[in-house]
Protein backbone atom coordinates (compact mmCIF):
# COMPACT_ATOMS: atom_id res chain seq x y z
CA MET A 1 79.26 97.33 83.08
CA LYS A 2 77.33 95.31 86.56
CA PRO A 3 79.98 95.21 89.13
CA VAL A 4 79.50 92.06 91.31
CA LEU A 5 77.92 92.66 94.34
CA LEU A 6 79.02 90.02 97.28
CA LEU A 7 77.15 90.68 100.38
CA LEU A 8 78.34 88.39 103.32
CA ALA A 9 76.09 87.29 106.67
CA GLY A 10 76.27 87.77 109.59
CA MET A 11 76.42 84.29 112.48
CA LEU A 12 73.21 81.88 112.40
CA ASN A 13 72.46 83.80 108.61
CA ASP A 14 71.96 82.17 105.50
CA ALA A 15 70.68 84.00 102.27
CA ARG A 16 67.59 84.66 104.19
CA MET A 17 69.00 87.92 105.82
CA TRP A 18 69.37 88.86 102.42
CA ALA A 19 66.14 88.46 100.67
CA PRO A 20 64.69 91.28 101.34
CA VAL A 21 67.93 93.44 100.17
CA THR A 22 67.79 91.52 96.89
CA ASP A 23 64.23 92.10 95.84
CA ALA A 24 65.12 95.11 95.63
CA LEU A 25 69.03 94.74 93.61
CA HIS A 26 67.57 93.10 91.05
CA GLY A 27 68.46 95.15 87.98
CA VAL A 28 71.45 96.56 89.97
CA ALA A 29 74.55 94.50 90.53
CA ASP A 30 75.64 91.22 90.01
CA LEU A 31 74.13 89.77 93.62
CA ARG A 32 76.25 87.62 95.04
CA VAL A 33 75.98 86.27 98.42
CA ALA A 34 78.46 84.13 100.09
CA ASP A 35 78.46 80.84 101.62
CA LEU A 36 80.08 81.46 105.40
CA ARG A 37 78.41 78.31 107.39
CA GLY A 38 81.12 75.63 106.87
CA ALA A 39 84.43 77.70 108.08
CA PRO A 40 86.06 77.43 111.04
CA SER A 41 87.93 81.06 110.72
CA ILE A 42 87.49 84.55 109.45
CA ALA A 43 89.71 83.48 107.58
CA ALA A 44 88.46 80.94 106.34
CA MET A 45 85.38 82.49 105.19
CA ALA A 46 86.87 85.60 103.58
CA HIS A 47 88.71 82.87 101.80
CA ALA A 48 85.08 81.31 100.83
CA ALA A 49 84.05 84.53 99.96
CA TRP A 50 86.96 84.82 97.43
CA GLU A 51 86.08 82.42 95.31
CA CYS A 52 83.15 82.98 95.25
CA ILE A 53 83.79 85.57 93.12
CA ALA A 54 87.14 83.97 91.65
CA ASP A 55 85.50 84.13 88.13
CA VAL A 56 85.04 88.06 88.17
CA ASP A 57 87.19 89.37 85.65
CA ALA A 58 89.33 91.60 86.56
CA GLN A 59 88.37 94.93 85.41
CA ARG A 60 84.82 94.39 86.48
CA PRO A 61 84.05 96.17 89.89
CA VAL A 62 83.15 94.66 92.80
CA VAL A 63 81.50 95.93 95.96
CA LEU A 64 81.70 94.10 99.19
CA ALA A 65 78.40 94.38 101.41
CA GLY A 66 79.15 92.90 105.26
CA PHE A 67 76.81 92.59 107.75
CA SER A 68 77.64 91.74 111.30
CA MET A 69 79.78 88.30 111.85
CA GLY A 70 80.07 89.48 107.33
CA GLY A 71 81.34 92.71 108.28
CA TYR A 72 83.89 90.80 109.91
CA VAL A 73 84.42 89.80 106.96
CA ALA A 74 84.60 92.27 104.82
CA MET A 75 86.83 93.83 106.86
CA GLU A 76 89.11 90.47 106.94
CA MET A 77 89.74 90.76 102.54
CA LEU A 78 89.61 95.13 102.37
CA ALA A 79 93.07 94.53 104.53
CA ASN A 80 94.13 91.70 102.77
CA PRO A 81 93.40 91.68 98.87
CA ARG A 82 92.87 89.42 96.47
CA ARG A 83 91.92 92.13 93.66
CA ARG A 84 90.74 95.31 93.37
CA LEU A 85 87.80 96.35 95.30
CA HIS A 86 85.76 99.36 94.85
CA ALA A 87 83.33 100.26 97.62
CA ALA A 88 82.07 98.40 100.60
CA ALA A 89 79.48 98.78 103.19
CA LEU A 90 79.36 97.70 106.68
CA LEU A 91 76.44 97.48 108.81
CA SER A 92 75.61 97.01 111.91
CA THR A 93 79.45 95.44 112.70
CA SER A 94 81.95 96.18 114.94
CA ALA A 95 85.96 97.24 114.17
CA ARG A 96 87.95 96.51 117.57
CA PRO A 97 88.67 92.74 118.34
CA GLU A 98 86.94 90.94 120.49
CA THR A 99 87.77 92.84 124.51
CA ALA A 100 87.50 90.45 127.67
CA GLU A 101 84.08 90.97 128.64
CA GLY A 102 82.90 90.09 125.19
CA HIS A 103 84.84 86.54 125.26
CA VAL A 104 83.02 86.02 128.48
CA ALA A 105 78.92 86.42 126.63
CA ARG A 106 80.41 84.44 123.49
CA GLU A 107 81.42 81.61 125.93
CA LYS A 108 77.93 81.47 128.05
CA ALA A 109 75.76 82.27 123.97
CA VAL A 110 77.89 78.63 123.39
CA GLY A 111 76.85 76.85 126.46
CA ALA A 112 73.46 78.04 125.80
CA MET A 113 73.66 76.99 122.35
CA GLN A 114 74.83 73.69 123.98
CA THR A 115 72.06 73.44 125.91
CA ASP A 116 69.31 75.12 124.96
CA PHE A 117 69.48 76.19 121.09
CA ALA A 118 65.70 77.30 120.37
CA ARG A 119 65.87 79.30 123.50
CA MET A 120 68.78 80.63 123.06
CA VAL A 121 67.60 81.78 119.02
CA ASP A 122 64.17 82.68 120.82
CA GLY A 123 67.04 85.44 123.13
CA LEU A 124 68.96 86.56 120.03
CA VAL A 125 65.93 87.16 117.74
CA LYS A 126 64.31 90.28 120.44
CA TRP A 127 67.55 91.33 121.51
CA GLY A 128 67.91 91.59 118.06
CA MET A 129 65.50 93.31 116.31
CA HIS A 130 63.38 96.57 117.36
CA GLN A 131 59.48 96.41 116.70
CA PRO A 132 59.58 93.96 114.19
CA ALA A 133 56.38 92.54 112.28
CA PRO A 134 55.65 89.07 113.87
CA ALA A 135 56.58 87.84 110.39
CA VAL A 136 59.51 89.13 110.33
CA VAL A 137 60.11 87.03 113.81
CA ASP A 138 59.13 84.57 112.37
CA GLN A 139 61.75 84.91 109.66
CA LEU A 140 64.80 85.49 111.47
CA ARG A 141 63.38 82.67 113.82
CA GLN A 142 63.40 79.77 111.40
CA MET A 143 66.72 80.92 109.52
CA CYS A 144 68.65 80.65 113.19
CA LEU A 145 66.59 77.36 113.98
CA ASP A 146 67.89 76.31 109.97
CA VAL A 147 71.15 77.23 110.20
CA GLY A 148 71.70 75.34 113.37
CA ALA A 149 73.86 75.01 116.90
CA GLU A 150 76.63 73.44 115.35
CA THR A 151 77.15 75.98 113.19
CA GLY A 152 76.61 78.70 115.08
CA ILE A 153 79.12 76.80 118.39
CA ARG A 154 82.14 77.45 115.14
CA GLN A 155 80.96 80.99 113.98
CA ASN A 156 81.13 82.38 118.05
CA ARG A 157 84.46 80.85 118.68
CA ALA A 158 85.70 81.95 114.59
CA ILE A 159 84.56 85.79 116.04
CA MET A 160 85.80 85.75 119.33
CA ASP A 161 89.25 84.92 117.60
CA ARG A 162 89.40 87.19 114.64
CA ALA A 163 92.37 89.91 113.52
CA ASP A 164 91.71 93.78 114.46
CA HIS A 165 92.66 94.91 110.77
CA ARG A 166 92.25 98.65 112.49
CA VAL A 167 95.25 99.45 111.46
CA ALA A 168 95.00 98.24 107.37
CA LEU A 169 91.46 100.17 107.19
CA ALA A 170 93.09 103.06 108.21
CA GLN A 171 94.49 103.06 105.07
CA LEU A 172 91.74 102.63 102.85
CA ARG A 173 90.89 104.43 99.74
CA LEU A 174 88.09 103.41 98.25
CA PRO A 175 84.23 104.66 99.52
CA VAL A 176 83.04 102.97 102.61
CA HIS A 177 79.16 102.90 103.96
CA LEU A 178 78.41 101.92 107.26
CA LEU A 179 75.16 101.57 108.14
CA CYS A 180 73.55 100.75 112.00
CA GLY A 181 69.84 100.77 113.54
CA GLN A 182 69.53 104.18 115.98
CA ASN A 183 68.15 101.08 118.80
CA ASP A 184 70.61 98.40 117.66
CA ARG A 185 72.11 96.96 120.96
CA ILE A 186 73.95 94.03 120.02
CA THR A 187 76.73 96.37 117.97
CA PRO A 188 75.23 100.05 119.31
CA PRO A 189 75.91 103.09 117.60
CA ALA A 190 79.05 104.11 119.87
CA LEU A 191 81.32 101.47 117.68
CA THR A 192 79.95 102.49 114.03
CA GLU A 193 81.02 105.91 115.57
CA LYS A 194 84.07 103.78 116.10
CA ILE A 195 85.11 103.65 112.96
CA VAL A 196 84.23 106.64 111.33
CA ALA A 197 86.77 108.06 113.08
CA PHE A 198 89.60 105.32 111.62
CA ILE A 199 88.72 104.47 107.28
CA PRO A 200 88.66 108.12 105.57
CA GLY A 201 85.71 109.17 103.66
CA SER A 202 83.88 107.01 105.56
CA THR A 203 80.10 107.47 105.63
CA VAL A 204 77.09 107.12 108.37
CA HIS A 205 74.00 106.09 107.16
CA TRP A 206 71.87 105.46 110.89
CA MET A 207 68.64 103.15 110.07
CA ALA A 208 65.24 104.84 112.45
CA GLU A 209 63.39 102.27 113.99
CA ALA A 210 65.67 99.56 113.43
CA GLY A 211 67.71 97.31 115.79
CA HIS A 212 70.35 94.96 114.21
CA MET A 213 69.37 93.39 112.26
CA LEU A 214 68.16 95.95 108.99
CA PRO A 215 68.73 93.31 106.59
CA LEU A 216 65.50 92.23 107.62
CA GLU A 217 64.58 95.78 109.26
CA GLN A 218 64.90 97.97 107.04
CA PRO A 219 65.72 96.14 103.55
CA GLU A 220 64.80 99.19 101.00
CA ALA A 221 66.72 101.22 103.02
CA VAL A 222 69.35 99.04 102.43
CA ALA A 223 68.83 98.18 98.92
CA GLN A 224 69.39 102.11 99.05
């Protein structure tokens, strides 16, 4: 019985963020990418993700993989499970609630999206990757532009209001793999180290020559 691998993408992402990873995983699992773009909160995104696997038999293994904002969604699902989950991977993410400094930065990001979205996307792409190939830059930029400012603003506000699930996550008893780029400037390695400290039995994988956008920068390593 193949497991179901439910993939949860980040802010301003759609299924294209996971495409290089899913290309390497065909035949290994039933691959599903949740559409989180229309949800107004992390809890609502989790609901959309649960709906994506509502047809899966209770005996079939389900594994979550959440990237960046999708990591927040995965943690919401792990803290409030509707069915048994067998394992999880958390990529380029953080378990802490939004800080005061984070609120200020996100409000600035919202303002930038409202004022000049294309310029904001260019800055995000540049800041988010470590020495990417030009084709990968173009792919990420086009995806963000296609998802659009309205969705990006809504997702920023959802991230700002995310819940603190650290107490619940400390009670987990399932395999959790943590992936972080060694050159991640958006969710730096120190934030992954904090997750390792309180999720029992979690395993960390440091991705060399990678920034924040792991599924695009190191898809083969992520697939492994």
